[in-house]
């Protein structure tokens, strides 16, 4: 995939993630940063970073529990280790870090 196509695809997904996080009801602050970065700060002071990594053509998530890389395959963002889907993992990671159950709804 060309870098420009990847960047457009990743930016769209990051915007969906930002919207879902804003709507999830958890006490979190989301701050978009230049270069395809979402910085998420939780009420407990912890942070999570979701960003596009153009060189690897992946979306990366840095959470308290570890770092995860997701590659776009057949219309889905899939974890490069284990094959888990981005949205399911992100909901679990945000829930863990927020200390409450969080559901994320992906809009198209």
PDB file of N, CA and C in Angstrom:
ATOM      1  N   UNK A   1       0.841  -1.175   0.000  1.00  0.00           N
ATOM      2  CA  UNK A   1       0.000   0.000   0.000  1.00  0.00           C
ATOM      3  C   UNK A   1       0.885   1.238   0.000  1.00  0.00           C
ATOM      4  N   UNK A   2       0.547   2.179  -0.847  1.00  0.00           N
ATOM      5  CA  UNK A   2       1.297   3.436  -0.911  1.00  0.00           C
ATOM      6  C   UNK A   2       1.153   4.195   0.404  1.00  0.00           C
ATOM      7  N   UNK A   3       2.172   4.972   0.740  1.00  0.00           N
ATOM      8  CA  UNK A   3       2.152   5.714   2.000  1.00  0.00           C
ATOM      9  C   UNK A   3       0.968   6.673   2.083  1.00  0.00           C
ATOM     10  N   UNK A   4       0.668   7.375   1.000  1.00  0.00           N
ATOM     11  CA  UNK A   4      -0.439   8.332   1.031  1.00  0.00           C
ATOM     12  C   UNK A   4      -1.782   7.622   1.257  1.00  0.00           C
ATOM     13  N   UNK A   5      -1.967   6.469   0.642  1.00  0.00           N
ATOM     14  CA  UNK A   5      -3.196   5.691   0.843  1.00  0.00           C
ATOM     15  C   UNK A   5      -3.286   5.198   2.282  1.00  0.00           C
ATOM     16  N   UNK A   6      -2.155   4.711   2.819  1.00  0.00           N
ATOM     17  CA  UNK A   6      -2.135   4.270   4.209  1.00  0.00           C
ATOM     18  C   UNK A   6      -2.475   5.427   5.146  1.00  0.00           C
ATOM     19  N   UNK A   7      -1.841   6.584   4.935  1.00  0.00           N
ATOM     20  CA  UNK A   7      -2.078   7.733   5.815  1.00  0.00           C
ATOM     21  C   UNK A   7      -3.547   8.138   5.814  1.00  0.00           C
ATOM     22  N   UNK A   8      -4.186   8.147   4.648  1.00  0.00           N
ATOM     23  CA  UNK A   8      -5.604   8.490   4.569  1.00  0.00           C
ATOM     24  C   UNK A   8      -6.461   7.458   5.306  1.00  0.00           C
ATOM     25  N   UNK A   9      -6.156   6.187   5.120  1.00  0.00           N
ATOM     26  CA  UNK A   9      -6.883   5.107   5.785  1.00  0.00           C
ATOM     27  C   UNK A   9      -6.710   5.189   7.300  1.00  0.00           C
ATOM     28  N   UNK A  10      -5.486   5.393   7.747  1.00  0.00           N
ATOM     29  CA  UNK A  10      -5.197   5.480   9.179  1.00  0.00           C
ATOM     30  C   UNK A  10      -5.827   6.718   9.805  1.00  0.00           C
ATOM     31  N   UNK A  11      -5.784   7.848   9.111  1.00  0.00           N
ATOM     32  CA  UNK A  11      -6.393   9.078   9.636  1.00  0.00           C
ATOM     33  C   UNK A  11      -7.901   8.903   9.816  1.00  0.00           C
ATOM     34  N   UNK A  12      -8.546   8.245   8.857  1.00  0.00           N
ATOM     35  CA  UNK A  12      -9.978   7.971   8.981  1.00  0.00           C
ATOM     36  C   UNK A  12     -10.258   7.103  10.210  1.00  0.00           C
ATOM     37  N   UNK A  13      -9.424   6.096  10.414  1.00  0.00           N
ATOM     38  CA  UNK A  13      -9.632   5.193  11.560  1.00  0.00           C
ATOM     39  C   UNK A  13      -9.369   5.919  12.876  1.00  0.00           C
ATOM     40  N   UNK A  14      -8.342   6.752  12.918  1.00  0.00           N
ATOM     41  CA  UNK A  14      -8.059   7.523  14.134  1.00  0.00           C
ATOM     42  C   UNK A  14      -9.202   8.476  14.446  1.00  0.00           C
ATOM     43  N   UNK A  15      -9.818   9.071  13.437  1.00  0.00           N
ATOM     44  CA  UNK A  15     -10.972   9.954  13.664  1.00  0.00           C
ATOM     45  C   UNK A  15     -12.148   9.157  14.227  1.00  0.00           C
ATOM     46  N   UNK A  16     -12.367   7.936  13.716  1.00  0.00           N
ATOM     47  CA  UNK A  16     -13.425   7.067  14.254  1.00  0.00           C
ATOM     48  C   UNK A  16     -13.142   6.716  15.716  1.00  0.00           C
ATOM     49  N   UNK A  17     -11.879   6.414  16.009  1.00  0.00           N
ATOM     50  CA  UNK A  17     -11.496   6.083  17.388  1.00  0.00           C
ATOM     51  C   UNK A  17     -11.739   7.285  18.300  1.00  0.00           C
ATOM     52  N   UNK A  18     -11.316   8.459  17.867  1.00  0.00           N
ATOM     53  CA  UNK A  18     -11.524   9.666  18.674  1.00  0.00           C
ATOM     54  C   UNK A  18     -13.013   9.879  18.949  1.00  0.00           C
ATOM     55  N   UNK A  19     -13.851   9.763  17.925  1.00  0.00           N
ATOM     56  CA  UNK A  19     -15.296   9.934  18.096  1.00  0.00           C
ATOM     57  C   UNK A  19     -15.879   8.900  19.047  1.00  0.00           C
ATOM     58  N   UNK A  20     -15.459   7.649  18.918  1.00  0.00           N
ATOM     59  CA  UNK A  20     -15.957   6.588  19.797  1.00  0.00           C
ATOM     60  C   UNK A  20     -15.535   6.821  21.243  1.00  0.00           C
ATOM     61  N   UNK A  21     -14.299   7.268  21.440  1.00  0.00           N
ATOM     62  CA  UNK A  21     -13.827   7.548  22.798  1.00  0.00           C
ATOM     63  C   UNK A  21     -14.590   8.717  23.415  1.00  0.00           C
ATOM     64  N   UNK A  22     -14.852   9.747  22.617  1.00  0.00           N
ATOM     65  CA  UNK A  22     -15.614  10.903  23.106  1.00  0.00           C
ATOM     66  C   UNK A  22     -17.018  10.480  23.542  1.00  0.00           C
ATOM     67  N   UNK A  23     -17.599   9.502  22.833  1.00  0.00           N
ATOM     68  CA  UNK A  23     -18.978   9.084  23.089  1.00  0.00           C
ATOM     69  C   UNK A  23     -19.114   7.954  24.104  1.00  0.00           C
ATOM     70  N   UNK A  24     -18.010   7.388  24.576  1.00  0.00           N
ATOM     71  CA  UNK A  24     -18.087   6.172  25.396  1.00  0.00           C
ATOM     72  C   UNK A  24     -18.537   6.412  26.833  1.00  0.00           C
ATOM     73  N   UNK A  25     -18.498   7.648  27.309  1.00  0.00           N
ATOM     74  CA  UNK A  25     -18.969   7.940  28.661  1.00  0.00           C
ATOM     75  C   UNK A  25     -17.926   7.816  29.757  1.00  0.00           C
ATOM     76  N   UNK A  26     -16.738   7.340  29.440  1.00  0.00           N
ATOM     77  CA  UNK A  26     -15.676   7.219  30.446  1.00  0.00           C
ATOM     78  C   UNK A  26     -15.067   8.596  30.713  1.00  0.00           C
ATOM     79  N   UNK A  27     -14.501   8.763  31.893  1.00  0.00           N
ATOM     80  CA  UNK A  27     -13.879  10.033  32.270  1.00  0.00           C
ATOM     81  C   UNK A  27     -12.452  10.066  31.711  1.00  0.00           C
ATOM     82  N   UNK A  28     -12.353  10.409  30.418  1.00  0.00           N
ATOM     83  CA  UNK A  28     -11.066  10.468  29.743  1.00  0.00           C
ATOM     84  C   UNK A  28     -10.992  11.743  28.910  1.00  0.00           C
ATOM     85  N   UNK A  29      -9.784  12.209  28.708  1.00  0.00           N
ATOM     86  CA  UNK A  29      -9.539  13.349  27.829  1.00  0.00           C
ATOM     87  C   UNK A  29      -8.781  12.840  26.617  1.00  0.00           C
ATOM     88  N   UNK A  30      -9.241  13.219  25.435  1.00  0.00           N
ATOM     89  CA  UNK A  30      -8.597  12.818  24.187  1.00  0.00           C
ATOM     90  C   UNK A  30      -8.052  14.064  23.518  1.00  0.00           C
ATOM     91  N   UNK A  31      -6.761  14.024  23.209  1.00  0.00           N
ATOM     92  CA  UNK A  31      -6.142  15.164  22.544  1.00  0.00           C
ATOM     93  C   UNK A  31      -5.444  14.701  21.269  1.00  0.00           C
ATOM     94  N   UNK A  32      -5.991  15.107  20.118  1.00  0.00           N
ATOM     95  CA  UNK A  32      -5.305  14.792  18.864  1.00  0.00           C
ATOM     96  C   UNK A  32      -4.036  15.640  18.747  1.00  0.00           C
ATOM     97  N   UNK A  33      -2.968  15.017  18.310  1.00  0.00           N
ATOM     98  CA  UNK A  33      -1.695  15.710  18.114  1.00  0.00           C
ATOM     99  C   UNK A  33      -1.322  15.634  16.635  1.00  0.00           C
ATOM    100  N   UNK A  34      -0.487  16.538  16.173  1.00  0.00           N
ATOM    101  CA  UNK A  34      -0.051  16.484  14.774  1.00  0.00           C
ATOM    102  C   UNK A  34       0.651  15.157  14.457  1.00  0.00           C
ATOM    103  N   UNK A  35       0.521  14.732  13.215  1.00  0.00           N
ATOM    104  CA  UNK A  35       1.221  13.531  12.771  1.00  0.00           C
ATOM    105  C   UNK A  35       0.463  12.247  13.010  1.00  0.00           C
ATOM    106  N   UNK A  36      -0.854  12.329  13.240  1.00  0.00           N
ATOM    107  CA  UNK A  36      -1.636  11.107  13.409  1.00  0.00           C
ATOM    108  C   UNK A  36      -1.502  10.483  14.771  1.00  0.00           C
ATOM    109  N   UNK A  37      -1.582  11.294  15.818  1.00  0.00           N
ATOM    110  CA  UNK A  37      -1.423  10.808  17.196  1.00  0.00           C
ATOM    111  C   UNK A  37      -2.648  11.195  18.012  1.00  0.00           C
ATOM    112  N   UNK A  38      -3.183  10.235  18.768  1.00  0.00           N
ATOM    113  CA  UNK A  38      -4.210  10.512  19.763  1.00  0.00           C
ATOM    114  C   UNK A  38      -3.608  10.240  21.134  1.00  0.00           C
ATOM    115  N   UNK A  39      -3.625  11.244  21.985  1.00  0.00           N
ATOM    116  CA  UNK A  39      -3.162  11.070  23.362  1.00  0.00           C
ATOM    117  C   UNK A  39      -4.401  11.009  24.247  1.00  0.00           C
ATOM    118  N   UNK A  40      -4.524   9.930  24.989  1.00  0.00           N
ATOM    119  CA  UNK A  40      -5.689   9.697  25.835  1.00  0.00           C
ATOM    120  C   UNK A  40      -5.222   9.731  27.288  1.00  0.00           C
ATOM    121  N   UNK A  41      -5.827  10.616  28.077  1.00  0.00           N
ATOM    122  CA  UNK A  41      -5.467  10.708  29.491  1.00  0.00           C
ATOM    123  C   UNK A  41      -6.667  10.293  30.327  1.00  0.00           C
ATOM    124  N   UNK A  42      -6.399   9.437  31.290  1.00  0.00           N
ATOM    125  CA  UNK A  42      -7.444   8.886  32.144  1.00  0.00           C
ATOM    126  C   UNK A  42      -7.506   9.644  33.463  1.00  0.00           C
ATOM    127  N   UNK A  43      -8.642   9.517  34.155  1.00  0.00           N
ATOM    128  CA  UNK A  43      -8.870  10.200  35.417  1.00  0.00           C
ATOM    129  C   UNK A  43      -7.801   9.843  36.458  1.00  0.00           C
ATOM    130  N   UNK A  44      -7.233   8.639  36.350  1.00  0.00           N
ATOM    131  CA  UNK A  44      -6.218   8.190  37.308  1.00  0.00           C
ATOM    132  C   UNK A  44      -4.811   8.701  36.962  1.00  0.00           C
ATOM    133  N   UNK A  45      -4.708   9.542  35.920  1.00  0.00           N
ATOM    134  CA  UNK A  45      -3.424  10.122  35.532  1.00  0.00           C
ATOM    135  C   UNK A  45      -2.638   9.315  34.525  1.00  0.00           C
ATOM    136  N   UNK A  46      -3.073   8.100  34.209  1.00  0.00           N
ATOM    137  CA  UNK A  46      -2.357   7.297  33.222  1.00  0.00           C
ATOM    138  C   UNK A  46      -2.706   7.775  31.820  1.00  0.00           C
ATOM    139  N   UNK A  47      -1.873   7.405  30.855  1.00  0.00           N
ATOM    140  CA  UNK A  47      -2.064   7.809  29.467  1.00  0.00           C
ATOM    141  C   UNK A  47      -1.984   6.614  28.540  1.00  0.00           C
ATOM    142  N   UNK A  48      -2.594   6.788  27.383  1.00  0.00           N
ATOM    143  CA  UNK A  48      -2.520   5.817  26.300  1.00  0.00           C
ATOM    144  C   UNK A  48      -2.289   6.620  25.026  1.00  0.00           C
ATOM    145  N   UNK A  49      -1.498   6.079  24.133  1.00  0.00           N
ATOM    146  CA  UNK A  49      -1.223   6.726  22.855  1.00  0.00           C
ATOM    147  C   UNK A  49      -1.672   5.787  21.742  1.00  0.00           C
ATOM    148  N   UNK A  50      -2.426   6.338  20.795  1.00  0.00           N
ATOM    149  CA  UNK A  50      -2.804   5.604  19.585  1.00  0.00           C
ATOM    150  C   UNK A  50      -2.280   6.439  18.426  1.00  0.00           C
ATOM    151  N   UNK A  51      -1.479   5.833  17.578  1.00  0.00           N
ATOM    152  CA  UNK A  51      -0.904   6.604  16.478  1.00  0.00           C
ATOM    153  C   UNK A  51      -0.704   5.753  15.228  1.00  0.00           C
ATOM    154  N   UNK A  52      -0.593   6.474  14.113  1.00  0.00           N
ATOM    155  CA  UNK A  52      -0.267   5.779  12.869  1.00  0.00           C
ATOM    156  C   UNK A  52       1.254   5.719  12.763  1.00  0.00           C
ATOM    157  N   UNK A  53       1.732   4.632  12.221  1.00  0.00           N
ATOM    158  CA  UNK A  53       3.165   4.475  11.976  1.00  0.00           C
ATOM    159  C   UNK A  53       3.314   4.215  10.488  1.00  0.00           C
ATOM    160  N   UNK A  54       3.608   5.291   9.767  1.00  0.00           N
ATOM    161  CA  UNK A  54       3.604   5.225   8.293  1.00  0.00           C
ATOM    162  C   UNK A  54       4.636   4.258   7.731  1.00  0.00           C
ATOM    163  N   UNK A  55       5.832   4.240   8.308  1.00  0.00           N
ATOM    164  CA  UNK A  55       6.892   3.374   7.773  1.00  0.00           C
ATOM    165  C   UNK A  55       6.487   1.906   7.829  1.00  0.00           C
ATOM    166  N   UNK A  56       5.829   1.502   8.914  1.00  0.00           N
ATOM    167  CA  UNK A  56       5.412   0.101   9.073  1.00  0.00           C
ATOM    168  C   UNK A  56       4.021  -0.154   8.507  1.00  0.00           C
ATOM    169  N   UNK A  57       3.302   0.933   8.126  1.00  0.00           N
ATOM    170  CA  UNK A  57       1.921   0.844   7.631  1.00  0.00           C
ATOM    171  C   UNK A  57       1.027   0.187   8.686  1.00  0.00           C
ATOM    172  N   UNK A  58       1.166   0.654   9.934  1.00  0.00           N
ATOM    173  CA  UNK A  58       0.424   0.096  11.057  1.00  0.00           C
ATOM    174  C   UNK A  58      -0.126   1.210  11.937  1.00  0.00           C
ATOM    175  N   UNK A  59      -1.150   0.867  12.717  1.00  0.00           N
ATOM    176  CA  UNK A  59      -1.601   1.707  13.823  1.00  0.00           C
ATOM    177  C   UNK A  59      -1.032   1.085  15.077  1.00  0.00           C
ATOM    178  N   UNK A  60      -0.395   1.918  15.899  1.00  0.00           N
ATOM    179  CA  UNK A  60       0.220   1.444  17.134  1.00  0.00           C
ATOM    180  C   UNK A  60      -0.562   1.955  18.329  1.00  0.00           C
ATOM    181  N   UNK A  61      -0.660   1.116  19.355  1.00  0.00           N
ATOM    182  CA  UNK A  61      -1.299   1.483  20.613  1.00  0.00           C
ATOM    183  C   UNK A  61      -0.295   1.234  21.733  1.00  0.00           C
ATOM    184  N   UNK A  62      -0.021   2.288  22.507  1.00  0.00           N
ATOM    185  CA  UNK A  62       0.837   2.162  23.688  1.00  0.00           C
ATOM    186  C   UNK A  62      -0.061   2.358  24.904  1.00  0.00           C
ATOM    187  N   UNK A  63      -0.258   1.281  25.656  1.00  0.00           N
ATOM    188  CA  UNK A  63      -1.116   1.298  26.832  1.00  0.00           C
ATOM    189  C   UNK A  63      -0.301   0.900  28.055  1.00  0.00           C
ATOM    190  N   UNK A  64      -0.902   1.058  29.207  1.00  0.00           N
ATOM    191  CA  UNK A  64      -0.226   0.679  30.449  1.00  0.00           C
ATOM    192  C   UNK A  64       0.188  -0.796  30.419  1.00  0.00           C
ATOM    193  N   UNK A  65      -0.618  -1.624  29.765  1.00  0.00           N
ATOM    194  CA  UNK A  65      -0.339  -3.063  29.739  1.00  0.00           C
ATOM    195  C   UNK A  65       0.604  -3.493  28.618  1.00  0.00           C
ATOM    196  N   UNK A  66       1.025  -2.565  27.751  1.00  0.00           N
ATOM    197  CA  UNK A  66       1.974  -2.926  26.711  1.00  0.00           C
ATOM    198  C   UNK A  66       1.741  -2.185  25.412  1.00  0.00           C
ATOM    199  N   UNK A  67       2.521  -2.555  24.404  1.00  0.00           N
ATOM    200  CA  UNK A  67       2.427  -1.950  23.093  1.00  0.00           C
ATOM    201  C   UNK A  67       1.885  -2.947  22.089  1.00  0.00           C
ATOM    202  N   UNK A  68       1.059  -2.462  21.178  1.00  0.00           N
ATOM    203  CA  UNK A  68       0.388  -3.329  20.222  1.00  0.00           C
ATOM    204  C   UNK A  68       0.423  -2.682  18.840  1.00  0.00           C
ATOM    205  N   UNK A  69       0.595  -3.519  17.817  1.00  0.00           N
ATOM    206  CA  UNK A  69       0.680  -3.046  16.429  1.00  0.00           C
ATOM    207  C   UNK A  69      -0.437  -3.699  15.626  1.00  0.00           C
ATOM    208  N   UNK A  70      -1.126  -2.884  14.805  1.00  0.00           N
ATOM    209  CA  UNK A  70      -2.258  -3.356  14.026  1.00  0.00           C
ATOM    210  C   UNK A  70      -2.046  -3.035  12.554  1.00  0.00           C
ATOM    211  N   UNK A  71      -2.223  -4.041  11.723  1.00  0.00           N
ATOM    212  CA  UNK A  71      -2.047  -3.914  10.276  1.00  0.00           C
ATOM    213  C   UNK A  71      -3.412  -4.051   9.598  1.00  0.00           C
ATOM    214  N   UNK A  72      -3.623  -3.276   8.562  1.00  0.00           N
ATOM    215  CA  UNK A  72      -4.896  -3.335   7.835  1.00  0.00           C
ATOM    216  C   UNK A  72      -4.897  -4.554   6.926  1.00  0.00           C
ATOM    217  N   UNK A  73      -5.859  -5.457   7.167  1.00  0.00           N
ATOM    218  CA  UNK A  73      -5.982  -6.688   6.378  1.00  0.00           C
ATOM    219  C   UNK A  73      -7.444  -6.962   6.106  1.00  0.00           C
ATOM    220  N   UNK A  74      -7.800  -7.059   4.870  1.00  0.00           N
ATOM    221  CA  UNK A  74      -9.160  -7.418   4.445  1.00  0.00           C
ATOM    222  C   UNK A  74     -10.219  -6.561   5.130  1.00  0.00           C
ATOM    223  N   UNK A  75      -9.970  -5.244   5.175  1.00  0.00           N
ATOM    224  CA  UNK A  75     -10.948  -4.312   5.716  1.00  0.00           C
ATOM    225  C   UNK A  75     -10.967  -4.158   7.220  1.00  0.00           C
ATOM    226  N   UNK A  76     -10.030  -4.818   7.915  1.00  0.00           N
ATOM    227  CA  UNK A  76      -9.976  -4.734   9.378  1.00  0.00           C
ATOM    228  C   UNK A  76      -8.555  -4.422   9.813  1.00  0.00           C
ATOM    229  N   UNK A  77      -8.412  -3.814  10.987  1.00  0.00           N
ATOM    230  CA  UNK A  77      -7.106  -3.591  11.594  1.00  0.00           C
ATOM    231  C   UNK A  77      -6.865  -4.739  12.560  1.00  0.00           C
ATOM    232  N   UNK A  78      -5.819  -5.527  12.295  1.00  0.00           N
ATOM    233  CA  UNK A  78      -5.573  -6.778  13.007  1.00  0.00           C
ATOM    234  C   UNK A  78      -4.228  -6.714  13.723  1.00  0.00           C
ATOM    235  N   UNK A  79      -4.216  -7.175  14.978  1.00  0.00           N
ATOM    236  CA  UNK A  79      -2.994  -7.210  15.771  1.00  0.00           C
ATOM    237  C   UNK A  79      -1.979  -8.133  15.085  1.00  0.00           C
ATOM    238  N   UNK A  80      -0.761  -7.651  14.932  1.00  0.00           N
ATOM    239  CA  UNK A  80       0.274  -8.443  14.264  1.00  0.00           C
ATOM    240  C   UNK A  80       0.706  -9.634  15.108  1.00  0.00           C
ATOM    241  N   UNK A  81       0.369  -9.634  16.382  1.00  0.00           N
ATOM    242  CA  UNK A  81       0.634 -10.783  17.263  1.00  0.00           C
ATOM    243  C   UNK A  81      -0.696 -11.324  17.759  1.00  0.00           C
ATOM    244  N   UNK A  82      -1.140 -12.388  17.209  1.00  0.00           N
ATOM    245  CA  UNK A  82      -2.359 -13.019  17.699  1.00  0.00           C
ATOM    246  C   UNK A  82      -3.591 -12.774  16.856  1.00  0.00           C
ATOM    247  N   UNK A  83      -3.591 -11.757  16.021  1.00  0.00           N
ATOM    248  CA  UNK A  83      -4.703 -11.544  15.105  1.00  0.00           C
ATOM    249  C   UNK A  83      -5.949 -10.903  15.691  1.00  0.00           C
ATOM    250  N   UNK A  84      -5.884 -10.402  16.931  1.00  0.00           N
ATOM    251  CA  UNK A  84      -7.052  -9.752  17.519  1.00  0.00           C
ATOM    252  C   UNK A  84      -7.365  -8.460  16.780  1.00  0.00           C
ATOM    253  N   UNK A  85      -8.643  -8.102  16.754  1.00  0.00           N
ATOM    254  CA  UNK A  85      -9.113  -6.924  16.043  1.00  0.00           C
ATOM    255  C   UNK A  85      -8.904  -5.676  16.905  1.00  0.00           C
ATOM    256  N   UNK A  86      -8.517  -4.579  16.252  1.00  0.00           N
ATOM    257  CA  UNK A  86      -8.191  -3.321  16.931  1.00  0.00           C
ATOM    258  C   UNK A  86      -9.281  -2.857  17.879  1.00  0.00           C
ATOM    259  N   UNK A  87     -10.526  -2.797  17.411  1.00  0.00           N
ATOM    260  CA  UNK A  87     -11.592  -2.215  18.224  1.00  0.00           C
ATOM    261  C   UNK A  87     -11.876  -3.032  19.473  1.00  0.00           C
ATOM    262  N   UNK A  88     -11.849  -4.345  19.372  1.00  0.00           N
ATOM    263  CA  UNK A  88     -12.073  -5.192  20.543  1.00  0.00           C
ATOM    264  C   UNK A  88     -10.940  -5.011  21.550  1.00  0.00           C
ATOM    265  N   UNK A  89      -9.711  -4.996  21.051  1.00  0.00           N
ATOM    266  CA  UNK A  89      -8.571  -4.811  21.959  1.00  0.00           C
ATOM    267  C   UNK A  89      -8.577  -3.424  22.571  1.00  0.00           C
ATOM    268  N   UNK A  90      -8.898  -2.412  21.786  1.00  0.00           N
ATOM    269  CA  UNK A  90      -8.907  -1.053  22.287  1.00  0.00           C
ATOM    270  C   UNK A  90      -9.950  -0.888  23.391  1.00  0.00           C
ATOM    271  N   UNK A  91     -11.139  -1.452  23.213  1.00  0.00           N
ATOM    272  CA  UNK A  91     -12.174  -1.393  24.251  1.00  0.00           C
ATOM    273  C   UNK A  91     -11.682  -2.053  25.536  1.00  0.00           C
ATOM    274  N   UNK A  92     -11.012  -3.197  25.412  1.00  0.00           N
ATOM    275  CA  UNK A  92     -10.486  -3.896  26.593  1.00  0.00           C
ATOM    276  C   UNK A  92      -9.374  -3.093  27.254  1.00  0.00           C
ATOM    277  N   UNK A  93      -8.486  -2.512  26.460  1.00  0.00           N
ATOM    278  CA  UNK A  93      -7.383  -1.723  27.008  1.00  0.00           C
ATOM    279  C   UNK A  93      -7.886  -0.458  27.698  1.00  0.00           C
ATOM    280  N   UNK A  94      -8.838   0.231  27.070  1.00  0.00           N
ATOM    281  CA  UNK A  94      -9.403   1.442  27.667  1.00  0.00           C
ATOM    282  C   UNK A  94     -10.157   1.084  28.945  1.00  0.00           C
ATOM    283  N   UNK A  95     -10.920  -0.006  28.925  1.00  0.00           N
ATOM    284  CA  UNK A  95     -11.646  -0.451  30.121  1.00  0.00           C
ATOM    285  C   UNK A  95     -10.685  -0.725  31.264  1.00  0.00           C
ATOM    286  N   UNK A  96      -9.602  -1.434  30.962  1.00  0.00           N
ATOM    287  CA  UNK A  96      -8.598  -1.756  31.975  1.00  0.00           C
ATOM    288  C   UNK A  96      -7.979  -0.494  32.562  1.00  0.00           C
ATOM    289  N   UNK A  97      -7.628   0.421  31.708  1.00  0.00           N
ATOM    290  CA  UNK A  97      -6.942   1.620  32.172  1.00  0.00           C
ATOM    291  C   UNK A  97      -7.896   2.593  32.861  1.00  0.00           C
ATOM    292  N   UNK A  98      -9.157   2.623  32.446  1.00  0.00           N
ATOM    293  CA  UNK A  98     -10.148   3.521  33.046  1.00  0.00           C
ATOM    294  C   UNK A  98     -10.717   2.949  34.338  1.00  0.00           C
ATOM    295  N   UNK A  99     -10.574   1.634  34.521  1.00  0.00           N
ATOM    296  CA  UNK A  99     -11.120   1.004  35.716  1.00  0.00           C
ATOM    297  C   UNK A  99     -12.633   0.836  35.657  1.00  0.00           C
ATOM    298  N   UNK A 100     -13.196   0.837  34.457  1.00  0.00           N
ATOM    299  CA  UNK A 100     -14.630   0.641  34.260  1.00  0.00           C
ATOM    300  C   UNK A 100     -14.841   0.038  32.878  1.00  0.00           C
ATOM    301  N   UNK A 101     -15.973  -0.631  32.693  1.00  0.00           N
ATOM    302  CA  UNK A 101     -16.261  -1.225  31.404  1.00  0.00           C
ATOM    303  C   UNK A 101     -16.589  -0.137  30.395  1.00  0.00           C
ATOM    304  N   UNK A 102     -15.886  -0.171  29.275  1.00  0.00           N
ATOM    305  CA  UNK A 102     -16.063   0.808  28.213  1.00  0.00           C
ATOM    306  C   UNK A 102     -16.398   0.065  26.927  1.00  0.00           C
ATOM    307  N   UNK A 103     -17.462   0.508  26.277  1.00  0.00           N
ATOM    308  CA  UNK A 103     -17.829  -0.029  24.963  1.00  0.00           C
ATOM    309  C   UNK A 103     -17.494   1.039  23.921  1.00  0.00           C
ATOM    310  N   UNK A 104     -16.867   0.611  22.857  1.00  0.00           N
ATOM    311  CA  UNK A 104     -16.549   1.519  21.756  1.00  0.00           C
ATOM    312  C   UNK A 104     -17.319   1.093  20.536  1.00  0.00           C
ATOM    313  N   UNK A 105     -18.046   2.036  19.945  1.00  0.00           N
ATOM    314  CA  UNK A 105     -18.858   1.751  18.771  1.00  0.00           C
ATOM    315  C   UNK A 105     -18.189   2.408  17.574  1.00  0.00           C
ATOM    316  N   UNK A 106     -17.825   1.588  16.598  1.00  0.00           N
ATOM    317  CA  UNK A 106     -17.175   2.088  15.390  1.00  0.00           C
ATOM    318  C   UNK A 106     -18.229   2.572  14.414  1.00  0.00           C
ATOM    319  N   UNK A 107     -18.137   3.839  14.047  1.00  0.00           N
ATOM    320  CA  UNK A 107     -19.060   4.382  13.055  1.00  0.00           C
ATOM    321  C   UNK A 107     -18.390   4.371  11.682  1.00  0.00           C
ATOM    322  N   UNK A 108     -19.185   4.216  10.664  1.00  0.00           N
ATOM    323  CA  UNK A 108     -18.633   4.207   9.305  1.00  0.00           C
ATOM    324  C   UNK A 108     -18.874   5.496   8.593  1.00  0.00           C
TER     325      UNK A 108
END
